[in-house]
Amino acid sequence: MDAVLLLNQGFELAAVKAALSAAGARASPMHPGIQDETLARYFELSLDAADGPAADAVLARLREHPAVDAAYLKPAGEAPG
């Protein structure tokens, strides 16, 4: 499942490292090497939880962290129509 983590302004990924580990999640920059402060706050998440309800629970726990602005599953893409 593709998931996204957005940090609150002024926080770095290190602030949520323990929470990610406890949740069975790993984060990598969505825009590596970017200098833009807004885009640098976005991360792609890899979740150990494979099914929807378990993944939702992990994301809900991450959203409780003060450094996290948002954590959500990416919506499925649609074919152009």
PDB file of N, CA and C in Angstrom:
ATOM      1  N   MET A   1       0.843  -1.179   0.000  1.00  0.00           N
ATOM      2  CA  MET A   1       0.000   0.000   0.000  1.00  0.00           C
ATOM      3  C   MET A   1       0.884   1.237   0.000  1.00  0.00           C
ATOM      4  N   ASP A   2       0.540   2.179  -0.830  1.00  0.00           N
ATOM      5  CA  ASP A   2       1.279   3.432  -0.870  1.00  0.00           C
ATOM      6  C   ASP A   2       0.698   4.385   0.157  1.00  0.00           C
ATOM      7  N   ALA A   3       1.574   4.924   0.985  1.00  0.00           N
ATOM      8  CA  ALA A   3       1.142   5.857   2.014  1.00  0.00           C
ATOM      9  C   ALA A   3       2.064   7.067   2.017  1.00  0.00           C
ATOM     10  N   VAL A   4       1.564   8.161   2.561  1.00  0.00           N
ATOM     11  CA  VAL A   4       2.288   9.430   2.590  1.00  0.00           C
ATOM     12  C   VAL A   4       2.348   9.935   4.027  1.00  0.00           C
ATOM     13  N   LEU A   5       3.495  10.494   4.374  1.00  0.00           N
ATOM     14  CA  LEU A   5       3.697  11.160   5.662  1.00  0.00           C
ATOM     15  C   LEU A   5       4.055  12.607   5.374  1.00  0.00           C
ATOM     16  N   LEU A   6       3.373  13.529   6.019  1.00  0.00           N
ATOM     17  CA  LEU A   6       3.672  14.956   5.895  1.00  0.00           C
ATOM     18  C   LEU A   6       4.010  15.475   7.282  1.00  0.00           C
ATOM     19  N   LEU A   7       5.198  16.003   7.434  1.00  0.00           N
ATOM     20  CA  LEU A   7       5.624  16.538   8.725  1.00  0.00           C
ATOM     21  C   LEU A   7       5.177  17.975   8.884  1.00  0.00           C
ATOM     22  N   ASN A   8       4.939  18.363  10.121  1.00  0.00           N
ATOM     23  CA  ASN A   8       4.660  19.764  10.420  1.00  0.00           C
ATOM     24  C   ASN A   8       5.901  20.591  10.131  1.00  0.00           C
ATOM     25  N   GLN A   9       5.702  21.830   9.779  1.00  0.00           N
ATOM     26  CA  GLN A   9       6.806  22.737   9.485  1.00  0.00           C
ATOM     27  C   GLN A   9       7.728  22.832  10.697  1.00  0.00           C
ATOM     28  N   GLY A  10       9.028  22.778  10.443  1.00  0.00           N
ATOM     29  CA  GLY A  10      10.012  22.909  11.504  1.00  0.00           C
ATOM     30  C   GLY A  10      10.471  21.584  12.079  1.00  0.00           C
ATOM     31  N   PHE A  11       9.872  20.463  11.674  1.00  0.00           N
ATOM     32  CA  PHE A  11      10.271  19.148  12.156  1.00  0.00           C
ATOM     33  C   PHE A  11      11.046  18.407  11.078  1.00  0.00           C
ATOM     34  N   GLU A  12      11.912  17.525  11.507  1.00  0.00           N
ATOM     35  CA  GLU A  12      12.655  16.663  10.594  1.00  0.00           C
ATOM     36  C   GLU A  12      12.250  15.225  10.850  1.00  0.00           C
ATOM     37  N   LEU A  13      12.572  14.351   9.931  1.00  0.00           N
ATOM     38  CA  LEU A  13      12.178  12.956  10.034  1.00  0.00           C
ATOM     39  C   LEU A  13      12.692  12.309  11.317  1.00  0.00           C
ATOM     40  N   ALA A  14      13.837  12.725  11.803  1.00  0.00           N
ATOM     41  CA  ALA A  14      14.395  12.157  13.035  1.00  0.00           C
ATOM     42  C   ALA A  14      13.426  12.293  14.204  1.00  0.00           C
ATOM     43  N   ALA A  15      12.559  13.310  14.176  1.00  0.00           N
ATOM     44  CA  ALA A  15      11.605  13.536  15.266  1.00  0.00           C
ATOM     45  C   ALA A  15      10.583  12.409  15.374  1.00  0.00           C
ATOM     46  N   VAL A  16      10.333  11.694  14.285  1.00  0.00           N
ATOM     47  CA  VAL A  16       9.326  10.627  14.304  1.00  0.00           C
ATOM     48  C   VAL A  16       9.933   9.243  14.106  1.00  0.00           C
ATOM     49  N   LYS A  17      11.257   9.150  14.149  1.00  0.00           N
ATOM     50  CA  LYS A  17      11.928   7.875  13.883  1.00  0.00           C
ATOM     51  C   LYS A  17      11.440   6.769  14.811  1.00  0.00           C
ATOM     52  N   ALA A  18      11.344   7.027  16.106  1.00  0.00           N
ATOM     53  CA  ALA A  18      10.898   6.007  17.061  1.00  0.00           C
ATOM     54  C   ALA A  18       9.445   5.615  16.790  1.00  0.00           C
ATOM     55  N   ALA A  19       8.601   6.585  16.473  1.00  0.00           N
ATOM     56  CA  ALA A  19       7.200   6.290  16.184  1.00  0.00           C
ATOM     57  C   ALA A  19       7.063   5.449  14.920  1.00  0.00           C
ATOM     58  N   LEU A  20       7.868   5.742  13.914  1.00  0.00           N
ATOM     59  CA  LEU A  20       7.848   4.951  12.681  1.00  0.00           C
ATOM     60  C   LEU A  20       8.264   3.521  12.960  1.00  0.00           C
ATOM     61  N   SER A  21       9.338   3.366  13.708  1.00  0.00           N
ATOM     62  CA  SER A  21       9.837   2.036  14.035  1.00  0.00           C
ATOM     63  C   SER A  21       8.801   1.234  14.818  1.00  0.00           C
ATOM     64  N   ALA A  22       8.189   1.859  15.803  1.00  0.00           N
ATOM     65  CA  ALA A  22       7.178   1.185  16.619  1.00  0.00           C
ATOM     66  C   ALA A  22       5.954   0.794  15.790  1.00  0.00           C
ATOM     67  N   ALA A  23       5.676   1.569  14.751  1.00  0.00           N
ATOM     68  CA  ALA A  23       4.508   1.308  13.906  1.00  0.00           C
ATOM     69  C   ALA A  23       4.821   0.337  12.769  1.00  0.00           C
ATOM     70  N   GLY A  24       6.081  -0.075  12.647  1.00  0.00           N
ATOM     71  CA  GLY A  24       6.448  -0.955  11.550  1.00  0.00           C
ATOM     72  C   GLY A  24       6.423  -0.243  10.216  1.00  0.00           C
ATOM     73  N   ALA A  25       6.867   0.997  10.202  1.00  0.00           N
ATOM     74  CA  ALA A  25       6.857   1.807   8.987  1.00  0.00           C
ATOM     75  C   ALA A  25       8.254   2.367   8.718  1.00  0.00           C
ATOM     76  N   ARG A  26       8.546   2.567   7.449  1.00  0.00           N
ATOM     77  CA  ARG A  26       9.790   3.198   7.035  1.00  0.00           C
ATOM     78  C   ARG A  26       9.440   4.347   6.090  1.00  0.00           C
ATOM     79  N   ALA A  27      10.197   5.420   6.199  1.00  0.00           N
ATOM     80  CA  ALA A  27       9.920   6.607   5.384  1.00  0.00           C
ATOM     81  C   ALA A  27      11.119   6.948   4.518  1.00  0.00           C
ATOM     82  N   SER A  28      10.829   7.384   3.308  1.00  0.00           N
ATOM     83  CA  SER A  28      11.873   7.890   2.415  1.00  0.00           C
ATOM     84  C   SER A  28      11.350   9.175   1.782  1.00  0.00           C
ATOM     85  N   PRO A  29      12.240  10.123   1.518  1.00  0.00           N
ATOM     86  CA  PRO A  29      11.794  11.404   0.961  1.00  0.00           C
ATOM     87  C   PRO A  29      11.031  11.212  -0.354  1.00  0.00           C
ATOM     88  N   MET A  30       9.934  11.912  -0.485  1.00  0.00           N
ATOM     89  CA  MET A  30       9.173  11.859  -1.724  1.00  0.00           C
ATOM     90  C   MET A  30       9.880  12.644  -2.824  1.00  0.00           C
ATOM     91  N   HIS A  31      10.620  13.678  -2.422  1.00  0.00           N
ATOM     92  CA  HIS A  31      11.336  14.536  -3.359  1.00  0.00           C
ATOM     93  C   HIS A  31      12.791  14.648  -2.895  1.00  0.00           C
ATOM     94  N   PRO A  32      13.594  13.590  -3.073  1.00  0.00           N
ATOM     95  CA  PRO A  32      14.965  13.617  -2.546  1.00  0.00           C
ATOM     96  C   PRO A  32      15.794  14.756  -3.130  1.00  0.00           C
ATOM     97  N   GLY A  33      16.574  15.385  -2.278  1.00  0.00           N
ATOM     98  CA  GLY A  33      17.483  16.441  -2.709  1.00  0.00           C
ATOM     99  C   GLY A  33      16.833  17.784  -2.978  1.00  0.00           C
ATOM    100  N   ILE A  34      15.533  17.887  -2.787  1.00  0.00           N
ATOM    101  CA  ILE A  34      14.829  19.146  -3.067  1.00  0.00           C
ATOM    102  C   ILE A  34      15.154  20.179  -1.993  1.00  0.00           C
ATOM    103  N   GLN A  35      15.260  21.420  -2.368  1.00  0.00           N
ATOM    104  CA  GLN A  35      15.547  22.492  -1.427  1.00  0.00           C
ATOM    105  C   GLN A  35      14.288  23.218  -0.964  1.00  0.00           C
ATOM    106  N   ASP A  36      13.168  22.960  -1.615  1.00  0.00           N
ATOM    107  CA  ASP A  36      11.912  23.597  -1.256  1.00  0.00           C
ATOM    108  C   ASP A  36      11.440  23.079   0.113  1.00  0.00           C
ATOM    109  N   GLU A  37      11.223  23.998   1.051  1.00  0.00           N
ATOM    110  CA  GLU A  37      10.866  23.611   2.423  1.00  0.00           C
ATOM    111  C   GLU A  37       9.523  22.883   2.499  1.00  0.00           C
ATOM    112  N   THR A  38       8.597  23.237   1.638  1.00  0.00           N
ATOM    113  CA  THR A  38       7.289  22.581   1.662  1.00  0.00           C
ATOM    114  C   THR A  38       7.392  21.153   1.139  1.00  0.00           C
ATOM    115  N   LEU A  39       8.020  20.971  -0.017  1.00  0.00           N
ATOM    116  CA  LEU A  39       8.120  19.632  -0.598  1.00  0.00           C
ATOM    117  C   LEU A  39       9.013  18.706   0.225  1.00  0.00           C
ATOM    118  N   ALA A  40       9.979  19.264   0.938  1.00  0.00           N
ATOM    119  CA  ALA A  40      10.884  18.447   1.749  1.00  0.00           C
ATOM    120  C   ALA A  40      10.175  17.817   2.945  1.00  0.00           C
ATOM    121  N   ARG A  41       8.970  18.253   3.242  1.00  0.00           N
ATOM    122  CA  ARG A  41       8.207  17.709   4.378  1.00  0.00           C
ATOM    123  C   ARG A  41       7.436  16.444   4.020  1.00  0.00           C
ATOM    124  N   TYR A  42       7.411  16.061   2.732  1.00  0.00           N
ATOM    125  CA  TYR A  42       6.655  14.897   2.275  1.00  0.00           C
ATOM    126  C   TYR A  42       7.540  13.663   2.183  1.00  0.00           C
ATOM    127  N   PHE A  43       7.018  12.532   2.692  1.00  0.00           N
ATOM    128  CA  PHE A  43       7.742  11.266   2.673  1.00  0.00           C
ATOM    129  C   PHE A  43       6.819  10.154   2.208  1.00  0.00           C
ATOM    130  N   GLU A  44       7.385   9.202   1.486  1.00  0.00           N
ATOM    131  CA  GLU A  44       6.663   7.985   1.126  1.00  0.00           C
ATOM    132  C   GLU A  44       6.866   6.985   2.251  1.00  0.00           C
ATOM    133  N   LEU A  45       5.791   6.321   2.640  1.00  0.00           N
ATOM    134  CA  LEU A  45       5.863   5.351   3.723  1.00  0.00           C
ATOM    135  C   LEU A  45       5.756   3.935   3.177  1.00  0.00           C
ATOM    136  N   SER A  46       6.569   3.058   3.722  1.00  0.00           N
ATOM    137  CA  SER A  46       6.433   1.622   3.507  1.00  0.00           C
ATOM    138  C   SER A  46       5.910   1.062   4.812  1.00  0.00           C
ATOM    139  N   LEU A  47       4.791   0.366   4.731  1.00  0.00           N
ATOM    140  CA  LEU A  47       4.142  -0.155   5.931  1.00  0.00           C
ATOM    141  C   LEU A  47       4.266  -1.669   5.978  1.00  0.00           C
ATOM    142  N   ASP A  48       4.581  -2.200   7.157  1.00  0.00           N
ATOM    143  CA  ASP A  48       4.574  -3.650   7.340  1.00  0.00           C
ATOM    144  C   ASP A  48       3.148  -4.184   7.299  1.00  0.00           C
ATOM    145  N   ALA A  49       2.187  -3.358   7.713  1.00  0.00           N
ATOM    146  CA  ALA A  49       0.775  -3.756   7.702  1.00  0.00           C
ATOM    147  C   ALA A  49       0.317  -3.828   6.244  1.00  0.00           C
ATOM    148  N   ALA A  50      -0.141  -5.002   5.833  1.00  0.00           N
ATOM    149  CA  ALA A  50      -0.479  -5.198   4.432  1.00  0.00           C
ATOM    150  C   ALA A  50      -1.941  -4.929   4.115  1.00  0.00           C
ATOM    151  N   ASP A  51      -2.830  -5.066   5.104  1.00  0.00           N
ATOM    152  CA  ASP A  51      -4.249  -4.893   4.790  1.00  0.00           C
ATOM    153  C   ASP A  51      -4.739  -3.513   5.203  1.00  0.00           C
ATOM    154  N   GLY A  52      -5.882  -3.135   4.688  1.00  0.00           N
ATOM    155  CA  GLY A  52      -6.439  -1.811   4.920  1.00  0.00           C
ATOM    156  C   GLY A  52      -6.636  -1.439   6.374  1.00  0.00           C
ATOM    157  N   PRO A  53      -7.358  -2.243   7.166  1.00  0.00           N
ATOM    158  CA  PRO A  53      -7.597  -1.867   8.562  1.00  0.00           C
ATOM    159  C   PRO A  53      -6.309  -1.738   9.380  1.00  0.00           C
ATOM    160  N   ALA A  54      -5.359  -2.645   9.179  1.00  0.00           N
ATOM    161  CA  ALA A  54      -4.091  -2.568   9.925  1.00  0.00           C
ATOM    162  C   ALA A  54      -3.302  -1.332   9.499  1.00  0.00           C
ATOM    163  N   ALA A  55      -3.283  -1.052   8.212  1.00  0.00           N
ATOM    164  CA  ALA A  55      -2.576   0.136   7.716  1.00  0.00           C
ATOM    165  C   ALA A  55      -3.236   1.404   8.250  1.00  0.00           C
ATOM    166  N   ASP A  56      -4.561   1.434   8.269  1.00  0.00           N
ATOM    167  CA  ASP A  56      -5.283   2.589   8.812  1.00  0.00           C
ATOM    168  C   ASP A  56      -4.931   2.823  10.274  1.00  0.00           C
ATOM    169  N   ALA A  57      -4.789   1.738  11.040  1.00  0.00           N
ATOM    170  CA  ALA A  57      -4.440   1.860  12.459  1.00  0.00           C
ATOM    171  C   ALA A  57      -3.036   2.433  12.628  1.00  0.00           C
ATOM    172  N   VAL A  58      -2.097   1.987  11.797  1.00  0.00           N
ATOM    173  CA  VAL A  58      -0.727   2.510  11.848  1.00  0.00           C
ATOM    174  C   VAL A  58      -0.731   3.997  11.538  1.00  0.00           C
ATOM    175  N   LEU A  59      -1.441   4.386  10.494  1.00  0.00           N
ATOM    176  CA  LEU A  59      -1.482   5.793  10.093  1.00  0.00           C
ATOM    177  C   LEU A  59      -2.158   6.647  11.165  1.00  0.00           C
ATOM    178  N   ALA A  60      -3.175   6.119  11.807  1.00  0.00           N
ATOM    179  CA  ALA A  60      -3.848   6.856  12.884  1.00  0.00           C
ATOM    180  C   ALA A  60      -2.882   7.100  14.043  1.00  0.00           C
ATOM    181  N   ARG A  61      -2.065   6.092  14.383  1.00  0.00           N
ATOM    182  CA  ARG A  61      -1.079   6.280  15.464  1.00  0.00           C
ATOM    183  C   ARG A  61      -0.056   7.342  15.076  1.00  0.00           C
ATOM    184  N   LEU A  62       0.386   7.329  13.823  1.00  0.00           N
ATOM    185  CA  LEU A  62       1.359   8.334  13.386  1.00  0.00           C
ATOM    186  C   LEU A  62       0.760   9.736  13.433  1.00  0.00           C
ATOM    187  N   ARG A  63      -0.520   9.874  13.084  1.00  0.00           N
ATOM    188  CA  ARG A  63      -1.163  11.201  13.093  1.00  0.00           C
ATOM    189  C   ARG A  63      -1.235  11.791  14.494  1.00  0.00           C
ATOM    190  N   GLU A  64      -1.127  10.965  15.521  1.00  0.00           N
ATOM    191  CA  GLU A  64      -1.157  11.459  16.901  1.00  0.00           C
ATOM    192  C   GLU A  64       0.163  12.114  17.311  1.00  0.00           C
ATOM    193  N   HIS A  65       1.226  11.880  16.548  1.00  0.00           N
ATOM    194  CA  HIS A  65       2.540  12.437  16.889  1.00  0.00           C
ATOM    195  C   HIS A  65       2.543  13.942  16.609  1.00  0.00           C
ATOM    196  N   PRO A  66       3.109  14.751  17.527  1.00  0.00           N
ATOM    197  CA  PRO A  66       3.092  16.208  17.328  1.00  0.00           C
ATOM    198  C   PRO A  66       3.869  16.690  16.098  1.00  0.00           C
ATOM    199  N   ALA A  67       4.799  15.898  15.588  1.00  0.00           N
ATOM    200  CA  ALA A  67       5.568  16.309  14.416  1.00  0.00           C
ATOM    201  C   ALA A  67       4.841  16.009  13.110  1.00  0.00           C
ATOM    202  N   VAL A  68       3.762  15.237  13.181  1.00  0.00           N
ATOM    203  CA  VAL A  68       3.073  14.779  11.971  1.00  0.00           C
ATOM    204  C   VAL A  68       1.870  15.659  11.660  1.00  0.00           C
ATOM    205  N   ASP A  69       1.873  16.214  10.461  1.00  0.00           N
ATOM    206  CA  ASP A  69       0.749  17.008   9.987  1.00  0.00           C
ATOM    207  C   ASP A  69      -0.308  16.093   9.364  1.00  0.00           C
ATOM    208  N   ALA A  70       0.153  15.071   8.608  1.00  0.00           N
ATOM    209  CA  ALA A  70      -0.774  14.149   7.955  1.00  0.00           C
ATOM    210  C   ALA A  70      -0.066  12.822   7.697  1.00  0.00           C
ATOM    211  N   ALA A  71      -0.844  11.763   7.721  1.00  0.00           N
ATOM    212  CA  ALA A  71      -0.385  10.427   7.342  1.00  0.00           C
ATOM    213  C   ALA A  71      -1.595   9.737   6.743  1.00  0.00           C
ATOM    214  N   TYR A  72      -1.480   9.336   5.466  1.00  0.00           N
ATOM    215  CA  TYR A  72      -2.659   8.803   4.782  1.00  0.00           C
ATOM    216  C   TYR A  72      -2.249   7.841   3.670  1.00  0.00           C
ATOM    217  N   LEU A  73      -3.195   6.998   3.271  1.00  0.00           N
ATOM    218  CA  LEU A  73      -2.994   6.128   2.110  1.00  0.00           C
ATOM    219  C   LEU A  73      -3.223   6.954   0.863  1.00  0.00           C
ATOM    220  N   LYS A  74      -2.357   6.761  -0.120  1.00  0.00           N
ATOM    221  CA  LYS A  74      -2.554   7.458  -1.383  1.00  0.00           C
ATOM    222  C   LYS A  74      -3.765   6.880  -2.082  1.00  0.00           C
ATOM    223  N   PRO A  75      -4.621   7.725  -2.633  1.00  0.00           N
ATOM    224  CA  PRO A  75      -5.774   7.205  -3.359  1.00  0.00           C
ATOM    225  C   PRO A  75      -5.305   6.457  -4.616  1.00  0.00           C
ATOM    226  N   ALA A  76      -6.058   5.454  -4.982  1.00  0.00           N
ATOM    227  CA  ALA A  76      -5.728   4.698  -6.192  1.00  0.00           C
ATOM    228  C   ALA A  76      -5.866   5.596  -7.406  1.00  0.00           C
ATOM    229  N   GLY A  77      -4.958   5.419  -8.335  1.00  0.00           N
ATOM    230  CA  GLY A  77      -5.022   6.196  -9.579  1.00  0.00           C
ATOM    231  C   GLY A  77      -6.156   5.724 -10.471  1.00  0.00           C
ATOM    232  N   GLU A  78      -6.588   6.571 -11.347  1.00  0.00           N
ATOM    233  CA  GLU A  78      -7.641   6.232 -12.296  1.00  0.00           C
ATOM    234  C   GLU A  78      -7.130   6.431 -13.709  1.00  0.00           C
ATOM    235  N   ALA A  79      -7.583   5.587 -14.598  1.00  0.00           N
ATOM    236  CA  ALA A  79      -7.228   5.737 -16.004  1.00  0.00           C
ATOM    237  C   ALA A  79      -7.882   6.979 -16.557  1.00  0.00           C
ATOM    238  N   PRO A  80      -7.190   7.678 -17.460  1.00  0.00           N
ATOM    239  CA  PRO A  80      -7.815   8.870 -18.070  1.00  0.00           C
ATOM    240  C   PRO A  80      -9.092   8.461 -18.802  1.00  0.00           C
ATOM    241  N   GLY A  81     -10.054   9.292 -18.727  1.00  0.00           N
ATOM    242  CA  GLY A  81     -11.318   8.903 -19.357  1.00  0.00           C
ATOM    243  C   GLY A  81     -11.931  10.000 -20.027  1.00  0.00           C
TER     244      GLY A  81
END
